[in-house]
Amino acid sequence: MQLSQRFRDAEARNEILRQELTATIRQAAADDVPQKDICEATGHTRRQVRRIVLAGETETATEP
């Protein structure tokens, strides 16, 4: 039981960190940080960074 709770807690922390990283990548792109620098800092590929940024633009466009 303790192990399963630790696993759920780790999953929750992972999701929070993923959301924070996504927000940071989008903010860096909005601040005109070169994509190359974002990739180097995060370990993400250019394609991954593009997808994250574009998904954020789509979410923003569909919000009321």
Protein backbone atom coordinates (compact mmCIF):
# COMPACT_ATOMS: atom_id res chain seq x y z
CA MET A 1 0.00 0.00 0.00
CA GLN A 2 2.77 2.46 0.85
CA LEU A 3 4.53 1.77 -2.45
CA SER A 4 1.39 2.43 -4.49
CA GLN A 5 0.84 5.74 -2.67
CA ARG A 6 4.43 6.77 -3.33
CA PHE A 7 3.92 5.93 -7.00
CA ARG A 8 0.75 8.06 -7.20
CA ASP A 9 2.53 10.93 -5.45
CA ALA A 10 5.43 10.68 -7.91
CA GLU A 11 3.00 10.71 -10.85
CA ALA A 12 1.31 13.84 -9.46
CA ARG A 13 4.68 15.60 -8.99
CA ASN A 14 5.70 14.58 -12.51
CA GLU A 15 2.53 16.10 -13.97
CA ILE A 16 3.07 19.35 -12.08
CA LEU A 17 6.68 19.57 -13.29
CA ARG A 18 5.63 18.77 -16.87
CA GLN A 19 3.07 21.59 -16.78
CA GLU A 20 5.63 24.02 -15.33
CA LEU A 21 8.17 23.10 -18.01
CA THR A 22 5.55 23.53 -20.73
CA ALA A 23 4.65 26.98 -19.40
CA THR A 24 8.33 27.92 -19.20
CA ILE A 25 8.97 26.81 -22.79
CA ARG A 26 5.99 28.83 -24.01
CA GLN A 27 7.11 31.89 -22.06
CA ALA A 28 10.66 31.60 -23.40
CA ALA A 29 9.29 31.43 -26.95
CA ALA A 30 7.09 34.47 -26.28
CA ASP A 31 10.18 36.29 -24.96
CA ASP A 32 11.94 35.53 -28.26
CA VAL A 33 14.47 33.14 -26.77
CA PRO A 34 16.01 31.30 -29.74
CA GLN A 35 14.54 27.85 -30.23
CA LYS A 36 18.06 26.43 -30.26
CA ASP A 37 18.61 27.73 -26.73
CA ILE A 38 15.28 26.31 -25.50
CA CYS A 39 16.24 22.92 -26.95
CA GLU A 40 19.64 22.99 -25.28
CA ALA A 41 18.17 23.96 -21.91
CA THR A 42 15.36 21.39 -21.93
CA GLY A 43 16.80 18.51 -23.90
CA HIS A 44 13.74 18.64 -26.16
CA THR A 45 14.05 18.51 -29.92
CA ARG A 46 13.07 21.47 -32.09
CA ARG A 47 10.01 19.53 -33.16
CA GLN A 48 8.93 18.97 -29.55
CA VAL A 49 9.42 22.64 -28.71
CA ARG A 50 7.42 23.69 -31.80
CA ARG A 51 4.56 21.38 -30.82
CA ILE A 52 4.47 22.72 -27.26
CA VAL A 53 4.49 26.34 -28.43
CA LEU A 54 1.89 25.77 -31.15
CA ALA A 55 -0.38 23.87 -28.76
CA GLY A 56 -0.22 26.84 -26.39
CA GLU A 57 -1.19 29.22 -29.18
CA THR A 58 -4.14 27.01 -30.08
CA GLU A 59 -5.29 26.81 -26.44
CA THR A 60 -5.06 30.59 -26.09
CA ALA A 61 -7.02 31.15 -29.31
CA THR A 62 -9.89 28.92 -28.16
CA GLU A 63 -10.26 30.41 -24.67
CA PRO A 64 -13.22 32.77 -24.20
